[in-house]
């Protein structure tokens, strides 16, 4: 957290797991914006991971199981964005971040 505390007057964006995001939110409640990026469904997540051809079936199962657990914590984030259509999701996240920065 020392890097974050020393980053005053800067806007930082992290792509981190759910627990990391919640830890940052707990420590920097008013200075942080948390966005949970949610797959349209676990089946769709599994399909996307398989289509990448970059992981074994066992790694895919581990990731889907982890996502299932993480989705139970989504309501602890400031916003939930469903990643159904990439361009739409990107615009929504961009708008949320931009609004937060310019408050």
PDB file of N, CA and C in Angstrom:
ATOM      1  N   UNK A   1       0.801  -1.203   0.000  1.00  0.00           N
ATOM      2  CA  UNK A   1       0.000   0.000   0.000  1.00  0.00           C
ATOM      3  C   UNK A   1       0.845   1.269   0.000  1.00  0.00           C
ATOM      4  N   UNK A   2       2.127   1.158   0.309  1.00  0.00           N
ATOM      5  CA  UNK A   2       2.964   2.352   0.376  1.00  0.00           C
ATOM      6  C   UNK A   2       3.045   3.051  -0.979  1.00  0.00           C
ATOM      7  N   UNK A   3       3.053   2.282  -2.084  1.00  0.00           N
ATOM      8  CA  UNK A   3       3.071   2.882  -3.414  1.00  0.00           C
ATOM      9  C   UNK A   3       1.824   3.724  -3.640  1.00  0.00           C
ATOM     10  N   UNK A   4       0.691   3.241  -3.143  1.00  0.00           N
ATOM     11  CA  UNK A   4      -0.560   3.975  -3.304  1.00  0.00           C
ATOM     12  C   UNK A   4      -0.562   5.247  -2.473  1.00  0.00           C
ATOM     13  N   UNK A   5      -0.052   5.146  -1.262  1.00  0.00           N
ATOM     14  CA  UNK A   5      -0.017   6.320  -0.394  1.00  0.00           C
ATOM     15  C   UNK A   5       0.910   7.399  -0.944  1.00  0.00           C
ATOM     16  N   UNK A   6       1.949   7.002  -1.663  1.00  0.00           N
ATOM     17  CA  UNK A   6       2.896   7.951  -2.246  1.00  0.00           C
ATOM     18  C   UNK A   6       2.448   8.488  -3.593  1.00  0.00           C
ATOM     19  N   UNK A   7       1.337   8.020  -4.101  1.00  0.00           N
ATOM     20  CA  UNK A   7       0.871   8.404  -5.434  1.00  0.00           C
ATOM     21  C   UNK A   7      -0.142   9.533  -5.378  1.00  0.00           C
ATOM     22  N   UNK A   8      -0.039  10.391  -4.387  1.00  0.00           N
ATOM     23  CA  UNK A   8      -0.971  11.515  -4.269  1.00  0.00           C
ATOM     24  C   UNK A   8      -0.935  12.348  -5.552  1.00  0.00           C
ATOM     25  N   UNK A   9      -2.076  12.908  -5.902  1.00  0.00           N
ATOM     26  CA  UNK A   9      -2.223  13.740  -7.098  1.00  0.00           C
ATOM     27  C   UNK A   9      -2.097  12.942  -8.397  1.00  0.00           C
ATOM     28  N   UNK A  10      -2.183  11.639  -8.320  1.00  0.00           N
ATOM     29  CA  UNK A  10      -2.129  10.801  -9.516  1.00  0.00           C
ATOM     30  C   UNK A  10      -3.353   9.909  -9.537  1.00  0.00           C
ATOM     31  N   UNK A  11      -3.760   9.529 -10.708  1.00  0.00           N
ATOM     32  CA  UNK A  11      -4.847   8.569 -10.862  1.00  0.00           C
ATOM     33  C   UNK A  11      -4.238   7.252 -11.317  1.00  0.00           C
ATOM     34  N   UNK A  12      -4.474   6.207 -10.544  1.00  0.00           N
ATOM     35  CA  UNK A  12      -3.928   4.892 -10.846  1.00  0.00           C
ATOM     36  C   UNK A  12      -5.066   3.950 -11.200  1.00  0.00           C
ATOM     37  N   UNK A  13      -4.822   3.085 -12.150  1.00  0.00           N
ATOM     38  CA  UNK A  13      -5.804   2.069 -12.527  1.00  0.00           C
ATOM     39  C   UNK A  13      -5.141   0.711 -12.361  1.00  0.00           C
ATOM     40  N   UNK A  14      -5.834  -0.180 -11.655  1.00  0.00           N
ATOM     41  CA  UNK A  14      -5.329  -1.524 -11.415  1.00  0.00           C
ATOM     42  C   UNK A  14      -6.288  -2.542 -12.017  1.00  0.00           C
ATOM     43  N   UNK A  15      -5.731  -3.574 -12.576  1.00  0.00           N
ATOM     44  CA  UNK A  15      -6.492  -4.751 -13.013  1.00  0.00           C
ATOM     45  C   UNK A  15      -6.065  -5.863 -12.065  1.00  0.00           C
ATOM     46  N   UNK A  16      -6.854  -6.033 -10.996  1.00  0.00           N
ATOM     47  CA  UNK A  16      -6.472  -6.976  -9.947  1.00  0.00           C
ATOM     48  C   UNK A  16      -7.641  -7.879  -9.598  1.00  0.00           C
ATOM     49  N   UNK A  17      -7.347  -8.905  -8.833  1.00  0.00           N
ATOM     50  CA  UNK A  17      -8.407  -9.834  -8.458  1.00  0.00           C
ATOM     51  C   UNK A  17      -9.346  -9.200  -7.431  1.00  0.00           C
ATOM     52  N   UNK A  18     -10.420  -9.886  -7.162  1.00  0.00           N
ATOM     53  CA  UNK A  18     -11.482  -9.367  -6.300  1.00  0.00           C
ATOM     54  C   UNK A  18     -10.974  -9.031  -4.902  1.00  0.00           C
ATOM     55  N   UNK A  19     -10.222  -9.918  -4.294  1.00  0.00           N
ATOM     56  CA  UNK A  19      -9.728  -9.674  -2.938  1.00  0.00           C
ATOM     57  C   UNK A  19      -8.818  -8.452  -2.906  1.00  0.00           C
ATOM     58  N   UNK A  20      -7.951  -8.322  -3.900  1.00  0.00           N
ATOM     59  CA  UNK A  20      -7.083  -7.143  -3.978  1.00  0.00           C
ATOM     60  C   UNK A  20      -7.891  -5.864  -4.113  1.00  0.00           C
ATOM     61  N   UNK A  21      -8.916  -5.891  -4.950  1.00  0.00           N
ATOM     62  CA  UNK A  21      -9.775  -4.723  -5.127  1.00  0.00           C
ATOM     63  C   UNK A  21     -10.486  -4.333  -3.850  1.00  0.00           C
ATOM     64  N   UNK A  22     -10.990  -5.328  -3.144  1.00  0.00           N
ATOM     65  CA  UNK A  22     -11.688  -5.047  -1.883  1.00  0.00           C
ATOM     66  C   UNK A  22     -10.734  -4.528  -0.819  1.00  0.00           C
ATOM     67  N   UNK A  23      -9.501  -5.028  -0.822  1.00  0.00           N
ATOM     68  CA  UNK A  23      -8.500  -4.535   0.140  1.00  0.00           C
ATOM     69  C   UNK A  23      -8.159  -3.071  -0.117  1.00  0.00           C
ATOM     70  N   UNK A  24      -8.002  -2.713  -1.379  1.00  0.00           N
ATOM     71  CA  UNK A  24      -7.726  -1.315  -1.716  1.00  0.00           C
ATOM     72  C   UNK A  24      -8.914  -0.441  -1.323  1.00  0.00           C
ATOM     73  N   UNK A  25     -10.124  -0.909  -1.600  1.00  0.00           N
ATOM     74  CA  UNK A  25     -11.322  -0.141  -1.251  1.00  0.00           C
ATOM     75  C   UNK A  25     -11.424   0.056   0.261  1.00  0.00           C
ATOM     76  N   UNK A  26     -11.082  -0.968   1.007  1.00  0.00           N
ATOM     77  CA  UNK A  26     -11.140  -0.877   2.465  1.00  0.00           C
ATOM     78  C   UNK A  26     -10.147   0.181   2.981  1.00  0.00           C
ATOM     79  N   UNK A  27      -8.968   0.220   2.401  1.00  0.00           N
ATOM     80  CA  UNK A  27      -7.917   1.145   2.864  1.00  0.00           C
ATOM     81  C   UNK A  27      -8.126   2.572   2.334  1.00  0.00           C
ATOM     82  N   UNK A  28      -8.632   2.699   1.110  1.00  0.00           N
ATOM     83  CA  UNK A  28      -8.771   4.002   0.454  1.00  0.00           C
ATOM     84  C   UNK A  28     -10.222   4.224   0.019  1.00  0.00           C
ATOM     85  N   UNK A  29     -11.128   4.114   0.950  1.00  0.00           N
ATOM     86  CA  UNK A  29     -12.564   4.112   0.661  1.00  0.00           C
ATOM     87  C   UNK A  29     -13.018   5.266  -0.230  1.00  0.00           C
ATOM     88  N   UNK A  30     -12.743   6.482   0.168  1.00  0.00           N
ATOM     89  CA  UNK A  30     -13.231   7.654  -0.576  1.00  0.00           C
ATOM     90  C   UNK A  30     -12.386   7.978  -1.807  1.00  0.00           C
ATOM     91  N   UNK A  31     -11.155   7.506  -1.830  1.00  0.00           N
ATOM     92  CA  UNK A  31     -10.259   7.840  -2.935  1.00  0.00           C
ATOM     93  C   UNK A  31     -10.226   6.767  -4.013  1.00  0.00           C
ATOM     94  N   UNK A  32     -11.081   5.759  -3.888  1.00  0.00           N
ATOM     95  CA  UNK A  32     -11.016   4.671  -4.870  1.00  0.00           C
ATOM     96  C   UNK A  32     -12.390   4.403  -5.473  1.00  0.00           C
ATOM     97  N   UNK A  33     -12.344   3.883  -6.660  1.00  0.00           N
ATOM     98  CA  UNK A  33     -13.531   3.441  -7.387  1.00  0.00           C
ATOM     99  C   UNK A  33     -13.290   1.984  -7.748  1.00  0.00           C
ATOM    100  N   UNK A  34     -14.216   1.118  -7.356  1.00  0.00           N
ATOM    101  CA  UNK A  34     -14.061  -0.294  -7.698  1.00  0.00           C
ATOM    102  C   UNK A  34     -15.139  -0.688  -8.697  1.00  0.00           C
ATOM    103  N   UNK A  35     -14.707  -1.392  -9.725  1.00  0.00           N
ATOM    104  CA  UNK A  35     -15.617  -1.859 -10.773  1.00  0.00           C
ATOM    105  C   UNK A  35     -15.401  -3.353 -10.940  1.00  0.00           C
ATOM    106  N   UNK A  36     -16.463  -4.111 -10.768  1.00  0.00           N
ATOM    107  CA  UNK A  36     -16.409  -5.553 -10.960  1.00  0.00           C
ATOM    108  C   UNK A  36     -16.798  -5.835 -12.406  1.00  0.00           C
ATOM    109  N   UNK A  37     -15.895  -6.453 -13.150  1.00  0.00           N
ATOM    110  CA  UNK A  37     -16.170  -6.821 -14.535  1.00  0.00           C
ATOM    111  C   UNK A  37     -16.698  -8.245 -14.522  1.00  0.00           C
ATOM    112  N   UNK A  38     -17.970  -8.378 -14.876  1.00  0.00           N
ATOM    113  CA  UNK A  38     -18.691  -9.645 -14.753  1.00  0.00           C
ATOM    114  C   UNK A  38     -18.896 -10.276 -16.133  1.00  0.00           C
ATOM    115  N   UNK A  39     -18.631 -11.559 -16.254  1.00  0.00           N
ATOM    116  CA  UNK A  39     -18.936 -12.224 -17.526  1.00  0.00           C
ATOM    117  C   UNK A  39     -20.456 -12.355 -17.685  1.00  0.00           C
ATOM    118  N   UNK A  40     -20.944 -12.462 -18.913  1.00  0.00           N
ATOM    119  CA  UNK A  40     -22.383 -12.634 -19.117  1.00  0.00           C
ATOM    120  C   UNK A  40     -22.925 -13.865 -18.388  1.00  0.00           C
ATOM    121  N   UNK A  41     -22.110 -14.902 -18.316  1.00  0.00           N
ATOM    122  CA  UNK A  41     -22.460 -16.133 -17.595  1.00  0.00           C
ATOM    123  C   UNK A  41     -21.180 -16.931 -17.398  1.00  0.00           C
ATOM    124  N   UNK A  42     -21.250 -17.895 -16.508  1.00  0.00           N
ATOM    125  CA  UNK A  42     -20.078 -18.762 -16.313  1.00  0.00           C
ATOM    126  C   UNK A  42     -19.843 -19.633 -17.543  1.00  0.00           C
ATOM    127  N   UNK A  43     -20.925 -20.028 -18.207  1.00  0.00           N
ATOM    128  CA  UNK A  43     -20.779 -20.813 -19.439  1.00  0.00           C
ATOM    129  C   UNK A  43     -20.062 -20.003 -20.511  1.00  0.00           C
ATOM    130  N   UNK A  44     -20.432 -18.735 -20.635  1.00  0.00           N
ATOM    131  CA  UNK A  44     -19.787 -17.869 -21.627  1.00  0.00           C
ATOM    132  C   UNK A  44     -18.322 -17.649 -21.274  1.00  0.00           C
ATOM    133  N   UNK A  45     -18.026 -17.471 -19.991  1.00  0.00           N
ATOM    134  CA  UNK A  45     -16.634 -17.326 -19.559  1.00  0.00           C
ATOM    135  C   UNK A  45     -15.827 -18.559 -19.957  1.00  0.00           C
ATOM    136  N   UNK A  46     -16.367 -19.726 -19.664  1.00  0.00           N
ATOM    137  CA  UNK A  46     -15.670 -20.972 -20.010  1.00  0.00           C
ATOM    138  C   UNK A  46     -15.454 -21.068 -21.525  1.00  0.00           C
ATOM    139  N   UNK A  47     -16.459 -20.711 -22.286  1.00  0.00           N
ATOM    140  CA  UNK A  47     -16.361 -20.747 -23.750  1.00  0.00           C
ATOM    141  C   UNK A  47     -15.265 -19.801 -24.241  1.00  0.00           C
ATOM    142  N   UNK A  48     -15.219 -18.595 -23.688  1.00  0.00           N
ATOM    143  CA  UNK A  48     -14.194 -17.617 -24.092  1.00  0.00           C
ATOM    144  C   UNK A  48     -12.799 -18.124 -23.758  1.00  0.00           C
ATOM    145  N   UNK A  49     -12.648 -18.691 -22.571  1.00  0.00           N
ATOM    146  CA  UNK A  49     -11.336 -19.215 -22.183  1.00  0.00           C
ATOM    147  C   UNK A  49     -10.909 -20.358 -23.091  1.00  0.00           C
ATOM    148  N   UNK A  50     -11.844 -21.237 -23.431  1.00  0.00           N
ATOM    149  CA  UNK A  50     -11.520 -22.353 -24.334  1.00  0.00           C
ATOM    150  C   UNK A  50     -11.136 -21.846 -25.719  1.00  0.00           C
ATOM    151  N   UNK A  51     -11.833 -20.821 -26.198  1.00  0.00           N
ATOM    152  CA  UNK A  51     -11.557 -20.282 -27.534  1.00  0.00           C
ATOM    153  C   UNK A  51     -10.182 -19.621 -27.637  1.00  0.00           C
ATOM    154  N   UNK A  52      -9.634 -19.220 -26.530  1.00  0.00           N
ATOM    155  CA  UNK A  52      -8.291 -18.620 -26.527  1.00  0.00           C
ATOM    156  C   UNK A  52      -7.208 -19.652 -26.818  1.00  0.00           C
ATOM    157  N   UNK A  53      -7.494 -20.911 -26.511  1.00  0.00           N
ATOM    158  CA  UNK A  53      -6.511 -21.992 -26.696  1.00  0.00           C
ATOM    159  C   UNK A  53      -5.192 -21.710 -26.003  1.00  0.00           C
ATOM    160  N   UNK A  54      -5.263 -21.074 -24.827  1.00  0.00           N
ATOM    161  CA  UNK A  54      -4.026 -20.739 -24.127  1.00  0.00           C
ATOM    162  C   UNK A  54      -3.900 -21.434 -22.777  1.00  0.00           C
ATOM    163  N   UNK A  55      -4.923 -22.194 -22.381  1.00  0.00           N
ATOM    164  CA  UNK A  55      -4.897 -22.838 -21.074  1.00  0.00           C
ATOM    165  C   UNK A  55      -5.401 -24.269 -21.173  1.00  0.00           C
ATOM    166  N   UNK A  56      -4.953 -25.062 -20.218  1.00  0.00           N
ATOM    167  CA  UNK A  56      -5.417 -26.444 -20.167  1.00  0.00           C
ATOM    168  C   UNK A  56      -6.845 -26.487 -19.634  1.00  0.00           C
ATOM    169  N   UNK A  57      -7.518 -27.594 -19.850  1.00  0.00           N
ATOM    170  CA  UNK A  57      -8.877 -27.760 -19.338  1.00  0.00           C
ATOM    171  C   UNK A  57      -8.913 -27.637 -17.818  1.00  0.00           C
ATOM    172  N   UNK A  58      -7.894 -28.145 -17.137  1.00  0.00           N
ATOM    173  CA  UNK A  58      -7.884 -28.054 -15.675  1.00  0.00           C
ATOM    174  C   UNK A  58      -7.705 -26.606 -15.210  1.00  0.00           C
ATOM    175  N   UNK A  59      -6.878 -25.829 -15.926  1.00  0.00           N
ATOM    176  CA  UNK A  59      -6.724 -24.410 -15.578  1.00  0.00           C
ATOM    177  C   UNK A  59      -8.014 -23.635 -15.842  1.00  0.00           C
ATOM    178  N   UNK A  60      -8.701 -23.987 -16.900  1.00  0.00           N
ATOM    179  CA  UNK A  60      -9.978 -23.337 -17.204  1.00  0.00           C
ATOM    180  C   UNK A  60     -10.980 -23.625 -16.096  1.00  0.00           C
ATOM    181  N   UNK A  61     -11.027 -24.864 -15.643  1.00  0.00           N
ATOM    182  CA  UNK A  61     -11.944 -25.223 -14.556  1.00  0.00           C
ATOM    183  C   UNK A  61     -11.623 -24.425 -13.293  1.00  0.00           C
ATOM    184  N   UNK A  62     -10.335 -24.301 -12.980  1.00  0.00           N
ATOM    185  CA  UNK A  62      -9.917 -23.534 -11.812  1.00  0.00           C
ATOM    186  C   UNK A  62     -10.367 -22.082 -11.945  1.00  0.00           C
ATOM    187  N   UNK A  63     -10.176 -21.491 -13.123  1.00  0.00           N
ATOM    188  CA  UNK A  63     -10.550 -20.087 -13.331  1.00  0.00           C
ATOM    189  C   UNK A  63     -12.060 -19.888 -13.249  1.00  0.00           C
ATOM    190  N   UNK A  64     -12.820 -20.819 -13.812  1.00  0.00           N
ATOM    191  CA  UNK A  64     -14.280 -20.706 -13.761  1.00  0.00           C
ATOM    192  C   UNK A  64     -14.774 -20.869 -12.326  1.00  0.00           C
ATOM    193  N   UNK A  65     -14.197 -21.812 -11.597  1.00  0.00           N
ATOM    194  CA  UNK A  65     -14.577 -21.993 -10.192  1.00  0.00           C
ATOM    195  C   UNK A  65     -14.251 -20.749  -9.370  1.00  0.00           C
ATOM    196  N   UNK A  66     -13.094 -20.143  -9.634  1.00  0.00           N
ATOM    197  CA  UNK A  66     -12.710 -18.918  -8.928  1.00  0.00           C
ATOM    198  C   UNK A  66     -13.676 -17.788  -9.273  1.00  0.00           C
ATOM    199  N   UNK A  67     -14.028 -17.685 -10.539  1.00  0.00           N
ATOM    200  CA  UNK A  67     -14.968 -16.642 -10.977  1.00  0.00           C
ATOM    201  C   UNK A  67     -16.317 -16.807 -10.295  1.00  0.00           C
ATOM    202  N   UNK A  68     -16.735 -18.039 -10.143  1.00  0.00           N
ATOM    203  CA  UNK A  68     -18.008 -18.331  -9.464  1.00  0.00           C
ATOM    204  C   UNK A  68     -17.979 -17.791  -8.036  1.00  0.00           C
ATOM    205  N   UNK A  69     -16.884 -18.028  -7.328  1.00  0.00           N
ATOM    206  CA  UNK A  69     -16.737 -17.522  -5.960  1.00  0.00           C
ATOM    207  C   UNK A  69     -16.649 -15.993  -5.942  1.00  0.00           C
ATOM    208  N   UNK A  70     -15.893 -15.437  -6.891  1.00  0.00           N
ATOM    209  CA  UNK A  70     -15.725 -13.987  -6.933  1.00  0.00           C
ATOM    210  C   UNK A  70     -17.040 -13.273  -7.242  1.00  0.00           C
ATOM    211  N   UNK A  71     -17.878 -13.873  -8.052  1.00  0.00           N
ATOM    212  CA  UNK A  71     -19.150 -13.245  -8.392  1.00  0.00           C
ATOM    213  C   UNK A  71     -20.044 -13.071  -7.171  1.00  0.00           C
ATOM    214  N   UNK A  72     -19.833 -13.861  -6.159  1.00  0.00           N
ATOM    215  CA  UNK A  72     -20.592 -13.713  -4.916  1.00  0.00           C
ATOM    216  C   UNK A  72     -20.220 -12.430  -4.175  1.00  0.00           C
ATOM    217  N   UNK A  73     -19.076 -11.853  -4.509  1.00  0.00           N
ATOM    218  CA  UNK A  73     -18.604 -10.634  -3.861  1.00  0.00           C
ATOM    219  C   UNK A  73     -18.830  -9.380  -4.703  1.00  0.00           C
ATOM    220  N   UNK A  74     -19.413  -9.542  -5.878  1.00  0.00           N
ATOM    221  CA  UNK A  74     -19.573  -8.423  -6.808  1.00  0.00           C
ATOM    222  C   UNK A  74     -20.320  -7.251  -6.195  1.00  0.00           C
ATOM    223  N   UNK A  75     -21.295  -7.523  -5.358  1.00  0.00           N
ATOM    224  CA  UNK A  75     -22.104  -6.438  -4.779  1.00  0.00           C
ATOM    225  C   UNK A  75     -21.328  -5.577  -3.786  1.00  0.00           C
ATOM    226  N   UNK A  76     -20.115  -5.954  -3.454  1.00  0.00           N
ATOM    227  CA  UNK A  76     -19.277  -5.160  -2.558  1.00  0.00           C
ATOM    228  C   UNK A  76     -18.500  -4.080  -3.324  1.00  0.00           C
ATOM    229  N   UNK A  77     -18.587  -4.119  -4.647  1.00  0.00           N
ATOM    230  CA  UNK A  77     -17.909  -3.141  -5.497  1.00  0.00           C
ATOM    231  C   UNK A  77     -18.829  -1.954  -5.739  1.00  0.00           C
ATOM    232  N   UNK A  78     -18.240  -0.834  -6.137  1.00  0.00           N
ATOM    233  CA  UNK A  78     -19.041   0.359  -6.407  1.00  0.00           C
ATOM    234  C   UNK A  78     -19.961   0.154  -7.611  1.00  0.00           C
ATOM    235  N   UNK A  79     -19.456  -0.527  -8.618  1.00  0.00           N
ATOM    236  CA  UNK A  79     -20.230  -0.774  -9.835  1.00  0.00           C
ATOM    237  C   UNK A  79     -19.949  -2.171 -10.348  1.00  0.00           C
ATOM    238  N   UNK A  80     -20.920  -2.703 -11.069  1.00  0.00           N
ATOM    239  CA  UNK A  80     -20.758  -3.986 -11.764  1.00  0.00           C
ATOM    240  C   UNK A  80     -21.008  -3.712 -13.240  1.00  0.00           C
ATOM    241  N   UNK A  81     -20.061  -4.104 -14.070  1.00  0.00           N
ATOM    242  CA  UNK A  81     -20.199  -3.947 -15.511  1.00  0.00           C
ATOM    243  C   UNK A  81     -20.163  -5.336 -16.127  1.00  0.00           C
ATOM    244  N   UNK A  82     -21.205  -5.659 -16.864  1.00  0.00           N
ATOM    245  CA  UNK A  82     -21.234  -6.960 -17.540  1.00  0.00           C
ATOM    246  C   UNK A  82     -20.471  -6.854 -18.854  1.00  0.00           C
ATOM    247  N   UNK A  83     -19.500  -7.722 -19.014  1.00  0.00           N
ATOM    248  CA  UNK A  83     -18.669  -7.738 -20.214  1.00  0.00           C
ATOM    249  C   UNK A  83     -19.324  -8.612 -21.280  1.00  0.00           C
ATOM    250  N   UNK A  84     -20.429  -8.132 -21.814  1.00  0.00           N
ATOM    251  CA  UNK A  84     -21.118  -8.891 -22.847  1.00  0.00           C
ATOM    252  C   UNK A  84     -20.635  -8.489 -24.233  1.00  0.00           C
ATOM    253  N   UNK A  85     -20.596  -7.196 -24.503  1.00  0.00           N
ATOM    254  CA  UNK A  85     -20.081  -6.676 -25.773  1.00  0.00           C
ATOM    255  C   UNK A  85     -18.910  -5.764 -25.428  1.00  0.00           C
ATOM    256  N   UNK A  86     -17.738  -6.112 -25.886  1.00  0.00           N
ATOM    257  CA  UNK A  86     -16.507  -5.437 -25.460  1.00  0.00           C
ATOM    258  C   UNK A  86     -16.589  -3.926 -25.599  1.00  0.00           C
ATOM    259  N   UNK A  87     -16.984  -3.424 -26.758  1.00  0.00           N
ATOM    260  CA  UNK A  87     -17.021  -1.977 -26.981  1.00  0.00           C
ATOM    261  C   UNK A  87     -17.984  -1.287 -26.012  1.00  0.00           C
ATOM    262  N   UNK A  88     -19.136  -1.886 -25.780  1.00  0.00           N
ATOM    263  CA  UNK A  88     -20.126  -1.331 -24.846  1.00  0.00           C
ATOM    264  C   UNK A  88     -19.572  -1.330 -23.423  1.00  0.00           C
ATOM    265  N   UNK A  89     -18.948  -2.417 -23.027  1.00  0.00           N
ATOM    266  CA  UNK A  89     -18.378  -2.523 -21.680  1.00  0.00           C
ATOM    267  C   UNK A  89     -17.252  -1.513 -21.492  1.00  0.00           C
ATOM    268  N   UNK A  90     -16.420  -1.378 -22.506  1.00  0.00           N
ATOM    269  CA  UNK A  90     -15.320  -0.417 -22.460  1.00  0.00           C
ATOM    270  C   UNK A  90     -15.854   0.999 -22.254  1.00  0.00           C
ATOM    271  N   UNK A  91     -16.872   1.368 -23.019  1.00  0.00           N
ATOM    272  CA  UNK A  91     -17.448   2.718 -22.900  1.00  0.00           C
ATOM    273  C   UNK A  91     -18.037   2.945 -21.516  1.00  0.00           C
ATOM    274  N   UNK A  92     -18.681   1.942 -20.972  1.00  0.00           N
ATOM    275  CA  UNK A  92     -19.282   2.073 -19.648  1.00  0.00           C
ATOM    276  C   UNK A  92     -18.206   2.267 -18.575  1.00  0.00           C
ATOM    277  N   UNK A  93     -17.150   1.467 -18.637  1.00  0.00           N
ATOM    278  CA  UNK A  93     -16.054   1.600 -17.671  1.00  0.00           C
ATOM    279  C   UNK A  93     -15.382   2.959 -17.831  1.00  0.00           C
ATOM    280  N   UNK A  94     -15.135   3.366 -19.058  1.00  0.00           N
ATOM    281  CA  UNK A  94     -14.496   4.658 -19.316  1.00  0.00           C
ATOM    282  C   UNK A  94     -15.327   5.789 -18.710  1.00  0.00           C
ATOM    283  N   UNK A  95     -16.632   5.739 -18.899  1.00  0.00           N
ATOM    284  CA  UNK A  95     -17.527   6.768 -18.363  1.00  0.00           C
ATOM    285  C   UNK A  95     -17.485   6.789 -16.829  1.00  0.00           C
ATOM    286  N   UNK A  96     -17.530   5.615 -16.209  1.00  0.00           N
ATOM    287  CA  UNK A  96     -17.473   5.539 -14.743  1.00  0.00           C
ATOM    288  C   UNK A  96     -16.177   6.127 -14.198  1.00  0.00           C
ATOM    289  N   UNK A  97     -15.065   5.760 -14.816  1.00  0.00           N
ATOM    290  CA  UNK A  97     -13.758   6.252 -14.363  1.00  0.00           C
ATOM    291  C   UNK A  97     -13.663   7.758 -14.594  1.00  0.00           C
ATOM    292  N   UNK A  98     -14.075   8.209 -15.750  1.00  0.00           N
ATOM    293  CA  UNK A  98     -14.018   9.628 -16.067  1.00  0.00           C
ATOM    294  C   UNK A  98     -14.866  10.452 -15.097  1.00  0.00           C
ATOM    295  N   UNK A  99     -16.058   9.986 -14.804  1.00  0.00           N
ATOM    296  CA  UNK A  99     -16.921  10.683 -13.851  1.00  0.00           C
ATOM    297  C   UNK A  99     -16.291  10.736 -12.465  1.00  0.00           C
ATOM    298  N   UNK A 100     -15.668   9.633 -12.042  1.00  0.00           N
ATOM    299  CA  UNK A 100     -15.030   9.577 -10.733  1.00  0.00           C
ATOM    300  C   UNK A 100     -13.864  10.566 -10.648  1.00  0.00           C
ATOM    301  N   UNK A 101     -13.049  10.602 -11.678  1.00  0.00           N
ATOM    302  CA  UNK A 101     -11.879  11.481 -11.695  1.00  0.00           C
ATOM    303  C   UNK A 101     -12.303  12.951 -11.683  1.00  0.00           C
ATOM    304  N   UNK A 102     -13.390  13.248 -12.367  1.00  0.00           N
ATOM    305  CA  UNK A 102     -13.812  14.648 -12.514  1.00  0.00           C
ATOM    306  C   UNK A 102     -14.828  15.103 -11.466  1.00  0.00           C
ATOM    307  N   UNK A 103     -15.042  14.319 -10.439  1.00  0.00           N
ATOM    308  CA  UNK A 103     -15.975  14.729  -9.362  1.00  0.00           C
ATOM    309  C   UNK A 103     -15.422  15.872  -8.570  1.00  0.00           C
TER     310      UNK A 103
END
